[in-house]
Structure formats: structure tokens, C-alpha cells
């Protein structure tokens, strides 16, 4: 992820208006997004494994797809929320 934190670009990285505001925000955003992605994905691996076992036992395929989709969206929203919160705090600390 060192490449992402070095330069803002048009293709890769966490891209919100706040993250793209300046180089410092860009670096903070990339590092925080990667940190929270790794953290939450670690937990979701365990949840996903348990989910798979339950799916194999109970056979809830249609409902499982919907729940997995909702879980993925929630995971992404959580990562964005925490990343934006950190960027905002970083911006506030730079003002003083």
C-alpha cells in the first residue's frame, strides 16, 4: 500500500472529496482505509466461515445471499465512516 500513499491518482485508492483535498489528507485516508479494511476483514473471515458451515447444514441459500450482500454493504459503510472520522479529526488537528 506504499504506492497508494505516495501520490494521488485517478485509478487507485480511497477517493472521497475530503481525502482528495490535499496530499496530507490523501496519505491519512489511504493508511486508515487499509488499516480498517484489514481489521474488519479479519473479523468477517470468522463470521463468513461460521456462516458457510450454517449454510451447508441448513441450506438457506437464497436468504444467505441477501444477508451476505447486506453484510458487505454494512462493512464498506463502516470502513468509510471510520476513515472519514479520522480524516476529519486530522484536519481539525492541523487547524490548531
PDB file of N, CA and C in Angstrom:
ATOM      1  N   UNK A   1       0.810  -1.193   0.000  1.00  0.00           N
ATOM      2  CA  UNK A   1       0.000   0.000   0.000  1.00  0.00           C
ATOM      3  C   UNK A   1       0.853   1.256   0.000  1.00  0.00           C
ATOM      4  N   UNK A   2       2.157   1.097  -0.002  1.00  0.00           N
ATOM      5  CA  UNK A   2       3.047   2.257  -0.023  1.00  0.00           C
ATOM      6  C   UNK A   2       2.829   3.090  -1.288  1.00  0.00           C
ATOM      7  N   UNK A   3       2.552   2.430  -2.406  1.00  0.00           N
ATOM      8  CA  UNK A   3       2.288   3.142  -3.651  1.00  0.00           C
ATOM      9  C   UNK A   3       1.094   4.075  -3.526  1.00  0.00           C
ATOM     10  N   UNK A   4       0.051   3.638  -2.845  1.00  0.00           N
ATOM     11  CA  UNK A   4      -1.152   4.452  -2.705  1.00  0.00           C
ATOM     12  C   UNK A   4      -0.903   5.703  -1.887  1.00  0.00           C
ATOM     13  N   UNK A   5      -0.043   5.606  -0.897  1.00  0.00           N
ATOM     14  CA  UNK A   5       0.165   6.753  -0.015  1.00  0.00           C
ATOM     15  C   UNK A   5       1.147   7.764  -0.592  1.00  0.00           C
ATOM     16  N   UNK A   6       1.849   7.400  -1.644  1.00  0.00           N
ATOM     17  CA  UNK A   6       2.846   8.314  -2.187  1.00  0.00           C
ATOM     18  C   UNK A   6       2.242   9.415  -3.049  1.00  0.00           C
ATOM     19  N   UNK A   7       1.304   9.066  -3.925  1.00  0.00           N
ATOM     20  CA  UNK A   7       0.765  10.057  -4.860  1.00  0.00           C
ATOM     21  C   UNK A   7      -0.723   9.839  -5.069  1.00  0.00           C
ATOM     22  N   UNK A   8      -1.453  10.944  -5.131  1.00  0.00           N
ATOM     23  CA  UNK A   8      -2.862  10.838  -5.507  1.00  0.00           C
ATOM     24  C   UNK A   8      -2.916  10.444  -6.976  1.00  0.00           C
ATOM     25  N   UNK A   9      -3.899   9.647  -7.336  1.00  0.00           N
ATOM     26  CA  UNK A   9      -4.006   9.212  -8.723  1.00  0.00           C
ATOM     27  C   UNK A   9      -5.471   9.073  -9.111  1.00  0.00           C
ATOM     28  N   UNK A  10      -5.722   8.785 -10.382  1.00  0.00           N
ATOM     29  CA  UNK A  10      -7.089   8.703 -10.886  1.00  0.00           C
ATOM     30  C   UNK A  10      -7.697   7.319 -10.775  1.00  0.00           C
ATOM     31  N   UNK A  11      -6.905   6.311 -10.455  1.00  0.00           N
ATOM     32  CA  UNK A  11      -7.406   4.944 -10.512  1.00  0.00           C
ATOM     33  C   UNK A  11      -7.522   4.237  -9.169  1.00  0.00           C
ATOM     34  N   UNK A  12      -6.539   4.388  -8.316  1.00  0.00           N
ATOM     35  CA  UNK A  12      -6.490   3.595  -7.089  1.00  0.00           C
ATOM     36  C   UNK A  12      -6.634   4.449  -5.846  1.00  0.00           C
ATOM     37  N   UNK A  13      -7.141   3.828  -4.800  1.00  0.00           N
ATOM     38  CA  UNK A  13      -7.144   4.477  -3.503  1.00  0.00           C
ATOM     39  C   UNK A  13      -8.521   4.851  -3.008  1.00  0.00           C
ATOM     40  N   UNK A  14      -8.546   5.294  -1.777  1.00  0.00           N
ATOM     41  CA  UNK A  14      -9.761   5.761  -1.119  1.00  0.00           C
ATOM     42  C   UNK A  14     -10.025   7.172  -1.619  1.00  0.00           C
ATOM     43  N   UNK A  15     -11.129   7.358  -2.355  1.00  0.00           N
ATOM     44  CA  UNK A  15     -11.350   8.607  -3.061  1.00  0.00           C
ATOM     45  C   UNK A  15     -12.658   9.272  -2.647  1.00  0.00           C
ATOM     46  N   UNK A  16     -12.600  10.124  -1.660  1.00  0.00           N
ATOM     47  CA  UNK A  16     -13.744  10.957  -1.297  1.00  0.00           C
ATOM     48  C   UNK A  16     -13.277  12.407  -1.405  1.00  0.00           C
ATOM     49  N   UNK A  17     -14.205  13.353  -1.471  1.00  0.00           N
ATOM     50  CA  UNK A  17     -13.771  14.758  -1.569  1.00  0.00           C
ATOM     51  C   UNK A  17     -12.813  15.166  -0.445  1.00  0.00           C
ATOM     52  N   UNK A  18     -13.076  14.710   0.761  1.00  0.00           N
ATOM     53  CA  UNK A  18     -12.206  15.057   1.894  1.00  0.00           C
ATOM     54  C   UNK A  18     -10.819  14.427   1.715  1.00  0.00           C
ATOM     55  N   UNK A  19     -10.759  13.193   1.245  1.00  0.00           N
ATOM     56  CA  UNK A  19      -9.471  12.514   1.059  1.00  0.00           C
ATOM     57  C   UNK A  19      -8.656  13.158  -0.060  1.00  0.00           C
ATOM     58  N   UNK A  20      -9.338  13.686  -1.068  1.00  0.00           N
ATOM     59  CA  UNK A  20      -8.645  14.279  -2.209  1.00  0.00           C
ATOM     60  C   UNK A  20      -8.298  15.753  -2.005  1.00  0.00           C
ATOM     61  N   UNK A  21      -8.659  16.300  -0.869  1.00  0.00           N
ATOM     62  CA  UNK A  21      -8.470  17.734  -0.613  1.00  0.00           C
ATOM     63  C   UNK A  21      -7.000  18.155  -0.708  1.00  0.00           C
ATOM     64  N   UNK A  22      -6.103  17.348  -0.162  1.00  0.00           N
ATOM     65  CA  UNK A  22      -4.669  17.666  -0.222  1.00  0.00           C
ATOM     66  C   UNK A  22      -3.852  16.394   0.006  1.00  0.00           C
ATOM     67  N   UNK A  23      -2.542  16.515  -0.146  1.00  0.00           N
ATOM     68  CA  UNK A  23      -1.655  15.346  -0.025  1.00  0.00           C
ATOM     69  C   UNK A  23      -1.689  14.721   1.370  1.00  0.00           C
ATOM     70  N   UNK A  24      -1.742  15.564   2.402  1.00  0.00           N
ATOM     71  CA  UNK A  24      -1.751  15.036   3.767  1.00  0.00           C
ATOM     72  C   UNK A  24      -3.018  14.221   4.018  1.00  0.00           C
ATOM     73  N   UNK A  25      -4.158  14.755   3.604  1.00  0.00           N
ATOM     74  CA  UNK A  25      -5.416  14.014   3.756  1.00  0.00           C
ATOM     75  C   UNK A  25      -5.366  12.707   2.975  1.00  0.00           C
ATOM     76  N   UNK A  26      -4.783  12.761   1.782  1.00  0.00           N
ATOM     77  CA  UNK A  26      -4.686  11.567   0.941  1.00  0.00           C
ATOM     78  C   UNK A  26      -3.906  10.472   1.669  1.00  0.00           C
ATOM     79  N   UNK A  27      -2.768  10.826   2.232  1.00  0.00           N
ATOM     80  CA  UNK A  27      -1.937   9.834   2.933  1.00  0.00           C
ATOM     81  C   UNK A  27      -2.652   9.269   4.154  1.00  0.00           C
ATOM     82  N   UNK A  28      -3.272  10.147   4.940  1.00  0.00           N
ATOM     83  CA  UNK A  28      -4.013   9.689   6.120  1.00  0.00           C
ATOM     84  C   UNK A  28      -5.150   8.770   5.688  1.00  0.00           C
ATOM     85  N   UNK A  29      -5.885   9.164   4.657  1.00  0.00           N
ATOM     86  CA  UNK A  29      -7.031   8.380   4.189  1.00  0.00           C
ATOM     87  C   UNK A  29      -6.608   6.984   3.736  1.00  0.00           C
ATOM     88  N   UNK A  30      -5.525   6.898   2.971  1.00  0.00           N
ATOM     89  CA  UNK A  30      -5.084   5.593   2.471  1.00  0.00           C
ATOM     90  C   UNK A  30      -4.669   4.685   3.621  1.00  0.00           C
ATOM     91  N   UNK A  31      -3.888   5.233   4.538  1.00  0.00           N
ATOM     92  CA  UNK A  31      -3.428   4.425   5.674  1.00  0.00           C
ATOM     93  C   UNK A  31      -4.585   3.958   6.545  1.00  0.00           C
ATOM     94  N   UNK A  32      -5.522   4.847   6.834  1.00  0.00           N
ATOM     95  CA  UNK A  32      -6.659   4.486   7.691  1.00  0.00           C
ATOM     96  C   UNK A  32      -7.590   3.499   6.998  1.00  0.00           C
ATOM     97  N   UNK A  33      -7.852   3.715   5.713  1.00  0.00           N
ATOM     98  CA  UNK A  33      -8.734   2.805   4.982  1.00  0.00           C
ATOM     99  C   UNK A  33      -8.152   1.394   4.967  1.00  0.00           C
ATOM    100  N   UNK A  34      -6.874   1.300   4.713  1.00  0.00           N
ATOM    101  CA  UNK A  34      -6.217  -0.011   4.693  1.00  0.00           C
ATOM    102  C   UNK A  34      -6.235  -0.638   6.085  1.00  0.00           C
ATOM    103  N   UNK A  35      -5.963   0.172   7.115  1.00  0.00           N
ATOM    104  CA  UNK A  35      -5.965  -0.337   8.495  1.00  0.00           C
ATOM    105  C   UNK A  35      -7.342  -0.893   8.866  1.00  0.00           C
ATOM    106  N   UNK A  36      -8.400  -0.124   8.618  1.00  0.00           N
ATOM    107  CA  UNK A  36      -9.744  -0.579   8.976  1.00  0.00           C
ATOM    108  C   UNK A  36     -10.209  -1.734   8.088  1.00  0.00           C
ATOM    109  N   UNK A  37      -9.804  -1.740   6.831  1.00  0.00           N
ATOM    110  CA  UNK A  37     -10.161  -2.858   5.952  1.00  0.00           C
ATOM    111  C   UNK A  37      -9.578  -4.161   6.484  1.00  0.00           C
ATOM    112  N   UNK A  38      -8.318  -4.128   6.849  1.00  0.00           N
ATOM    113  CA  UNK A  38      -7.680  -5.329   7.397  1.00  0.00           C
ATOM    114  C   UNK A  38      -8.337  -5.758   8.702  1.00  0.00           C
ATOM    115  N   UNK A  39      -8.614  -4.798   9.580  1.00  0.00           N
ATOM    116  CA  UNK A  39      -9.219  -5.103  10.875  1.00  0.00           C
ATOM    117  C   UNK A  39     -10.593  -5.746  10.710  1.00  0.00           C
ATOM    118  N   UNK A  40     -11.476  -5.101   9.959  1.00  0.00           N
ATOM    119  CA  UNK A  40     -12.833  -5.620   9.801  1.00  0.00           C
ATOM    120  C   UNK A  40     -12.859  -6.913   8.991  1.00  0.00           C
ATOM    121  N   UNK A  41     -12.001  -7.009   7.988  1.00  0.00           N
ATOM    122  CA  UNK A  41     -11.976  -8.232   7.185  1.00  0.00           C
ATOM    123  C   UNK A  41     -11.512  -9.426   8.000  1.00  0.00           C
ATOM    124  N   UNK A  42     -10.630  -9.199   8.946  1.00  0.00           N
ATOM    125  CA  UNK A  42     -10.177 -10.284   9.823  1.00  0.00           C
ATOM    126  C   UNK A  42     -11.367 -10.871  10.586  1.00  0.00           C
ATOM    127  N   UNK A  43     -12.224 -10.006  11.109  1.00  0.00           N
ATOM    128  CA  UNK A  43     -13.411 -10.478  11.832  1.00  0.00           C
ATOM    129  C   UNK A  43     -14.420 -11.125  10.892  1.00  0.00           C
ATOM    130  N   UNK A  44     -14.569 -10.555   9.706  1.00  0.00           N
ATOM    131  CA  UNK A  44     -15.551 -11.095   8.773  1.00  0.00           C
ATOM    132  C   UNK A  44     -15.138 -12.453   8.216  1.00  0.00           C
ATOM    133  N   UNK A  45     -13.867 -12.773   8.237  1.00  0.00           N
ATOM    134  CA  UNK A  45     -13.431 -14.113   7.825  1.00  0.00           C
ATOM    135  C   UNK A  45     -14.013 -15.153   8.772  1.00  0.00           C
ATOM    136  N   UNK A  46     -13.956 -14.863  10.070  1.00  0.00           N
ATOM    137  CA  UNK A  46     -14.519 -15.798  11.053  1.00  0.00           C
ATOM    138  C   UNK A  46     -16.034 -15.893  10.908  1.00  0.00           C
ATOM    139  N   UNK A  47     -16.680 -14.758  10.772  1.00  0.00           N
ATOM    140  CA  UNK A  47     -18.139 -14.748  10.601  1.00  0.00           C
ATOM    141  C   UNK A  47     -18.516 -15.492   9.323  1.00  0.00           C
ATOM    142  N   UNK A  48     -17.784 -15.258   8.248  1.00  0.00           N
ATOM    143  CA  UNK A  48     -18.063 -15.925   6.978  1.00  0.00           C
ATOM    144  C   UNK A  48     -17.883 -17.429   7.042  1.00  0.00           C
ATOM    145  N   UNK A  49     -16.883 -17.877   7.772  1.00  0.00           N
ATOM    146  CA  UNK A  49     -16.654 -19.313   7.927  1.00  0.00           C
ATOM    147  C   UNK A  49     -17.802 -19.967   8.689  1.00  0.00           C
ATOM    148  N   UNK A  50     -18.219 -19.333   9.773  1.00  0.00           N
ATOM    149  CA  UNK A  50     -19.363 -19.855  10.539  1.00  0.00           C
ATOM    150  C   UNK A  50     -20.617 -19.850   9.672  1.00  0.00           C
ATOM    151  N   UNK A  51     -20.794 -18.776   8.912  1.00  0.00           N
ATOM    152  CA  UNK A  51     -21.940 -18.643   8.018  1.00  0.00           C
ATOM    153  C   UNK A  51     -21.963 -19.773   6.985  1.00  0.00           C
ATOM    154  N   UNK A  52     -20.799 -20.072   6.419  1.00  0.00           N
ATOM    155  CA  UNK A  52     -20.702 -21.151   5.436  1.00  0.00           C
ATOM    156  C   UNK A  52     -21.102 -22.488   6.044  1.00  0.00           C
ATOM    157  N   UNK A  53     -20.640 -22.761   7.237  1.00  0.00           N
ATOM    158  CA  UNK A  53     -20.982 -24.020   7.910  1.00  0.00           C
ATOM    159  C   UNK A  53     -22.490 -24.105   8.138  1.00  0.00           C
ATOM    160  N   UNK A  54     -23.077 -23.004   8.609  1.00  0.00           N
ATOM    161  CA  UNK A  54     -24.534 -22.987   8.820  1.00  0.00           C
ATOM    162  C   UNK A  54     -25.265 -23.174   7.495  1.00  0.00           C
ATOM    163  N   UNK A  55     -24.790 -22.511   6.428  1.00  0.00           N
ATOM    164  CA  UNK A  55     -25.401 -22.677   5.100  1.00  0.00           C
ATOM    165  C   UNK A  55     -25.374 -24.134   4.647  1.00  0.00           C
ATOM    166  N   UNK A  56     -24.248 -24.792   4.864  1.00  0.00           N
ATOM    167  CA  UNK A  56     -24.131 -26.188   4.447  1.00  0.00           C
ATOM    168  C   UNK A  56     -25.058 -27.101   5.245  1.00  0.00           C
ATOM    169  N   UNK A  57     -25.260 -26.777   6.511  1.00  0.00           N
ATOM    170  CA  UNK A  57     -26.126 -27.599   7.360  1.00  0.00           C
ATOM    171  C   UNK A  57     -27.599 -27.326   7.095  1.00  0.00           C
ATOM    172  N   UNK A  58     -27.980 -26.041   7.047  1.00  0.00           N
ATOM    173  CA  UNK A  58     -29.392 -25.658   6.984  1.00  0.00           C
ATOM    174  C   UNK A  58     -29.885 -25.438   5.551  1.00  0.00           C
ATOM    175  N   UNK A  59     -28.983 -25.111   4.627  1.00  0.00           N
ATOM    176  CA  UNK A  59     -29.326 -24.895   3.227  1.00  0.00           C
ATOM    177  C   UNK A  59     -30.222 -23.662   3.025  1.00  0.00           C
ATOM    178  N   UNK A  60     -29.776 -22.504   3.505  1.00  0.00           N
ATOM    179  CA  UNK A  60     -30.507 -21.239   3.359  1.00  0.00           C
ATOM    180  C   UNK A  60     -29.901 -20.380   2.248  1.00  0.00           C
ATOM    181  N   UNK A  61     -29.756 -20.902   1.067  1.00  0.00           N
ATOM    182  CA  UNK A  61     -29.005 -20.222   0.014  1.00  0.00           C
ATOM    183  C   UNK A  61     -29.587 -18.873  -0.407  1.00  0.00           C
ATOM    184  N   UNK A  62     -30.886 -18.796  -0.674  1.00  0.00           N
ATOM    185  CA  UNK A  62     -31.476 -17.534  -1.139  1.00  0.00           C
ATOM    186  C   UNK A  62     -31.360 -16.455  -0.069  1.00  0.00           C
ATOM    187  N   UNK A  63     -31.743 -16.778   1.141  1.00  0.00           N
ATOM    188  CA  UNK A  63     -31.658 -15.811   2.233  1.00  0.00           C
ATOM    189  C   UNK A  63     -30.202 -15.477   2.542  1.00  0.00           C
ATOM    190  N   UNK A  64     -29.332 -16.443   2.420  1.00  0.00           N
ATOM    191  CA  UNK A  64     -27.920 -16.237   2.702  1.00  0.00           C
ATOM    192  C   UNK A  64     -27.310 -15.209   1.751  1.00  0.00           C
ATOM    193  N   UNK A  65     -27.669 -15.263   0.488  1.00  0.00           N
ATOM    194  CA  UNK A  65     -27.137 -14.306  -0.488  1.00  0.00           C
ATOM    195  C   UNK A  65     -27.534 -12.882  -0.119  1.00  0.00           C
ATOM    196  N   UNK A  66     -28.773 -12.701   0.282  1.00  0.00           N
ATOM    197  CA  UNK A  66     -29.256 -11.375   0.670  1.00  0.00           C
ATOM    198  C   UNK A  66     -28.515 -10.893   1.912  1.00  0.00           C
ATOM    199  N   UNK A  67     -28.390 -11.756   2.905  1.00  0.00           N
ATOM    200  CA  UNK A  67     -27.696 -11.382   4.137  1.00  0.00           C
ATOM    201  C   UNK A  67     -26.217 -11.082   3.893  1.00  0.00           C
ATOM    202  N   UNK A  68     -25.587 -11.841   3.019  1.00  0.00           N
ATOM    203  CA  UNK A  68     -24.187 -11.587   2.701  1.00  0.00           C
ATOM    204  C   UNK A  68     -24.025 -10.240   2.003  1.00  0.00           C
ATOM    205  N   UNK A  69     -24.947  -9.926   1.099  1.00  0.00           N
ATOM    206  CA  UNK A  69     -24.898  -8.645   0.400  1.00  0.00           C
ATOM    207  C   UNK A  69     -25.064  -7.488   1.386  1.00  0.00           C
ATOM    208  N   UNK A  70     -26.043  -7.589   2.262  1.00  0.00           N
ATOM    209  CA  UNK A  70     -26.280  -6.550   3.272  1.00  0.00           C
ATOM    210  C   UNK A  70     -25.064  -6.420   4.191  1.00  0.00           C
ATOM    211  N   UNK A  71     -24.487  -7.531   4.589  1.00  0.00           N
ATOM    212  CA  UNK A  71     -23.298  -7.505   5.453  1.00  0.00           C
ATOM    213  C   UNK A  71     -22.124  -6.821   4.765  1.00  0.00           C
ATOM    214  N   UNK A  72     -21.935  -7.101   3.493  1.00  0.00           N
ATOM    215  CA  UNK A  72     -20.841  -6.484   2.743  1.00  0.00           C
ATOM    216  C   UNK A  72     -21.032  -4.975   2.647  1.00  0.00           C
ATOM    217  N   UNK A  73     -22.247  -4.541   2.353  1.00  0.00           N
ATOM    218  CA  UNK A  73     -22.531  -3.106   2.277  1.00  0.00           C
ATOM    219  C   UNK A  73     -22.277  -2.450   3.634  1.00  0.00           C
ATOM    220  N   UNK A  74     -22.736  -3.083   4.707  1.00  0.00           N
ATOM    221  CA  UNK A  74     -22.504  -2.540   6.052  1.00  0.00           C
ATOM    222  C   UNK A  74     -21.017  -2.463   6.378  1.00  0.00           C
ATOM    223  N   UNK A  75     -20.270  -3.479   5.987  1.00  0.00           N
ATOM    224  CA  UNK A  75     -18.824  -3.486   6.212  1.00  0.00           C
ATOM    225  C   UNK A  75     -18.172  -2.300   5.507  1.00  0.00           C
ATOM    226  N   UNK A  76     -18.522  -2.090   4.251  1.00  0.00           N
ATOM    227  CA  UNK A  76     -17.947  -0.982   3.485  1.00  0.00           C
ATOM    228  C   UNK A  76     -18.326   0.360   4.110  1.00  0.00           C
ATOM    229  N   UNK A  77     -19.588   0.498   4.503  1.00  0.00           N
ATOM    230  CA  UNK A  77     -20.034   1.745   5.134  1.00  0.00           C
ATOM    231  C   UNK A  77     -19.318   2.002   6.459  1.00  0.00           C
ATOM    232  N   UNK A  78     -19.087   0.954   7.235  1.00  0.00           N
ATOM    233  CA  UNK A  78     -18.338   1.102   8.492  1.00  0.00           C
ATOM    234  C   UNK A  78     -16.911   1.582   8.239  1.00  0.00           C
ATOM    235  N   UNK A  79     -16.271   0.995   7.257  1.00  0.00           N
ATOM    236  CA  UNK A  79     -14.895   1.384   6.937  1.00  0.00           C
ATOM    237  C   UNK A  79     -14.855   2.844   6.488  1.00  0.00           C
ATOM    238  N   UNK A  80     -15.802   3.238   5.641  1.00  0.00           N
ATOM    239  CA  UNK A  80     -15.865   4.627   5.179  1.00  0.00           C
ATOM    240  C   UNK A  80     -16.129   5.564   6.356  1.00  0.00           C
ATOM    241  N   UNK A  81     -17.066   5.201   7.224  1.00  0.00           N
ATOM    242  CA  UNK A  81     -17.391   6.035   8.384  1.00  0.00           C
ATOM    243  C   UNK A  81     -16.160   6.278   9.253  1.00  0.00           C
ATOM    244  N   UNK A  82     -15.460   5.217   9.621  1.00  0.00           N
ATOM    245  CA  UNK A  82     -14.293   5.361  10.486  1.00  0.00           C
ATOM    246  C   UNK A  82     -13.158   6.115   9.793  1.00  0.00           C
ATOM    247  N   UNK A  83     -12.973   5.874   8.504  1.00  0.00           N
ATOM    248  CA  UNK A  83     -11.922   6.576   7.765  1.00  0.00           C
ATOM    249  C   UNK A  83     -12.219   8.068   7.695  1.00  0.00           C
ATOM    250  N   UNK A  84     -13.457   8.421   7.372  1.00  0.00           N
ATOM    251  CA  UNK A  84     -13.834   9.835   7.298  1.00  0.00           C
ATOM    252  C   UNK A  84     -13.710  10.516   8.659  1.00  0.00           C
ATOM    253  N   UNK A  85     -14.056   9.800   9.707  1.00  0.00           N
ATOM    254  CA  UNK A  85     -13.947  10.344  11.066  1.00  0.00           C
ATOM    255  C   UNK A  85     -12.488  10.684  11.386  1.00  0.00           C
ATOM    256  N   UNK A  86     -11.579   9.805  11.019  1.00  0.00           N
ATOM    257  CA  UNK A  86     -10.149  10.034  11.267  1.00  0.00           C
ATOM    258  C   UNK A  86      -9.638  11.198  10.423  1.00  0.00           C
ATOM    259  N   UNK A  87     -10.050  11.270   9.157  1.00  0.00           N
ATOM    260  CA  UNK A  87      -9.604  12.376   8.297  1.00  0.00           C
ATOM    261  C   UNK A  87     -10.095  13.706   8.865  1.00  0.00           C
ATOM    262  N   UNK A  88     -11.349  13.733   9.301  1.00  0.00           N
ATOM    263  CA  UNK A  88     -11.906  14.960   9.879  1.00  0.00           C
ATOM    264  C   UNK A  88     -11.119  15.372  11.124  1.00  0.00           C
ATOM    265  N   UNK A  89     -10.815  14.418  11.989  1.00  0.00           N
ATOM    266  CA  UNK A  89     -10.023  14.713  13.191  1.00  0.00           C
ATOM    267  C   UNK A  89      -8.627  15.209  12.808  1.00  0.00           C
ATOM    268  N   UNK A  90      -8.050  14.619  11.769  1.00  0.00           N
ATOM    269  CA  UNK A  90      -6.736  15.049  11.295  1.00  0.00           C
ATOM    270  C   UNK A  90      -6.798  16.495  10.809  1.00  0.00           C
ATOM    271  N   UNK A  91      -7.831  16.824  10.032  1.00  0.00           N
ATOM    272  CA  UNK A  91      -7.982  18.198   9.537  1.00  0.00           C
ATOM    273  C   UNK A  91      -8.121  19.189  10.690  1.00  0.00           C
ATOM    274  N   UNK A  92      -8.903  18.815  11.687  1.00  0.00           N
ATOM    275  CA  UNK A  92      -9.102  19.689  12.849  1.00  0.00           C
ATOM    276  C   UNK A  92      -7.787  19.890  13.601  1.00  0.00           C
ATOM    277  N   UNK A  93      -6.982  18.842  13.700  1.00  0.00           N
ATOM    278  CA  UNK A  93      -5.703  18.961  14.412  1.00  0.00           C
ATOM    279  C   UNK A  93      -4.717  19.841  13.644  1.00  0.00           C
ATOM    280  N   UNK A  94      -4.873  19.911  12.329  1.00  0.00           N
ATOM    281  CA  UNK A  94      -3.985  20.739  11.511  1.00  0.00           C
ATOM    282  C   UNK A  94      -4.330  22.223  11.613  1.00  0.00           C
ATOM    283  N   UNK A  95      -5.570  22.532  11.987  1.00  0.00           N
ATOM    284  CA  UNK A  95      -6.006  23.929  12.096  1.00  0.00           C
ATOM    285  C   UNK A  95      -5.406  24.618  13.309  1.00  0.00           C
ATOM    286  N   UNK A  96      -5.142  23.848  14.358  1.00  0.00           N
ATOM    287  CA  UNK A  96      -4.643  24.474  15.595  1.00  0.00           C
ATOM    288  C   UNK A  96      -3.144  24.499  15.652  1.00  0.00           C
TER     289      UNK A  96
END
